[in-house]
Amino acid sequence: MKVMLRMNDTGTLVVYVAKKDLEEEVVKQTDSAVGKVLTLANGWELELSEIPTKESLPLTVEAKRLA
């Protein structure tokens, strides 16, 4: 699924999923075999092949929902 990553005013990474009209803060980042796993405030886990640098945000990337 396509997700948009951006930084909010407090410097926290935020994920927006357009198909679900969902915007949540990232509460945890962990490494996986494929790349990074982002845990959102609502409990979702999204796997991304890589996290872009803060300077390149906002950016739309491909993610896989794990939980």
Protein backbone atom coordinates (compact mmCIF):
# COMPACT_ATOMS: atom_id res chain seq x y z
CA MET A 1 0.00 0.00 0.00
CA LYS A 2 1.10 3.56 -0.59
CA VAL A 3 1.71 5.67 2.52
CA MET A 4 2.93 9.21 2.97
CA LEU A 5 5.62 9.95 5.55
CA ARG A 6 6.09 13.41 7.03
CA MET A 7 7.31 15.13 10.16
CA ASN A 8 4.80 16.95 12.37
CA ASP A 9 5.43 20.21 14.24
CA THR A 10 6.94 18.40 17.23
CA GLY A 11 9.42 16.45 15.07
CA THR A 12 7.61 13.11 15.24
CA LEU A 13 7.34 10.92 12.14
CA VAL A 14 3.71 10.67 10.94
CA VAL A 15 2.24 8.13 8.50
CA TYR A 16 -0.82 8.91 6.36
CA VAL A 17 -2.67 6.05 4.61
CA ALA A 18 -4.95 7.61 2.00
CA LYS A 19 -7.06 4.50 1.28
CA LYS A 20 -7.99 4.27 4.97
CA ASP A 21 -8.01 8.05 5.59
CA LEU A 22 -5.73 7.30 8.53
CA GLU A 23 -3.04 9.53 9.99
CA GLU A 24 -1.03 8.23 12.96
CA GLU A 25 2.24 9.02 14.69
CA VAL A 26 5.04 6.47 14.67
CA VAL A 27 5.67 5.30 18.24
CA LYS A 28 8.40 2.72 17.51
CA GLN A 29 10.89 1.86 14.75
CA THR A 30 12.60 -1.53 14.57
CA ASP A 31 14.84 -3.25 12.05
CA SER A 32 13.62 -6.25 10.05
CA ALA A 33 15.11 -8.55 7.42
CA VAL A 34 13.60 -6.41 4.65
CA GLY A 35 14.10 -2.93 6.12
CA LYS A 36 12.28 -1.08 8.90
CA VAL A 37 9.08 -1.83 10.79
CA LEU A 38 7.12 1.19 11.97
CA THR A 39 4.64 0.74 14.82
CA LEU A 40 1.87 3.33 14.72
CA ALA A 41 -0.04 4.79 17.66
CA ASN A 42 -3.12 2.73 16.74
CA GLY A 43 -1.14 -0.55 16.87
CA TRP A 44 -0.60 -1.09 13.14
CA GLU A 45 2.80 -2.33 12.04
CA LEU A 46 4.06 -1.29 8.60
CA GLU A 47 7.16 -2.70 6.93
CA LEU A 48 9.15 -0.40 4.64
CA SER A 49 12.22 -1.25 2.62
CA GLU A 50 13.87 1.97 3.80
CA ILE A 51 13.09 5.14 5.72
CA PRO A 52 13.89 8.32 3.79
CA THR A 53 15.94 11.07 5.38
CA LYS A 54 14.15 13.87 7.23
CA GLU A 55 15.29 16.34 4.59
CA SER A 56 13.40 14.46 1.83
CA LEU A 57 10.05 14.40 3.68
CA PRO A 58 7.15 14.50 2.92
CA LEU A 59 7.43 11.49 0.64
CA THR A 60 5.11 8.72 -0.57
CA VAL A 61 6.53 5.21 -0.24
CA GLU A 62 5.37 1.60 -0.58
CA ALA A 63 4.66 -0.23 2.69
CA LYS A 64 3.37 -3.64 3.72
CA ARG A 65 0.97 -3.96 6.67
CA LEU A 66 2.08 -6.64 9.12
CA ALA A 67 -0.43 -6.23 11.95
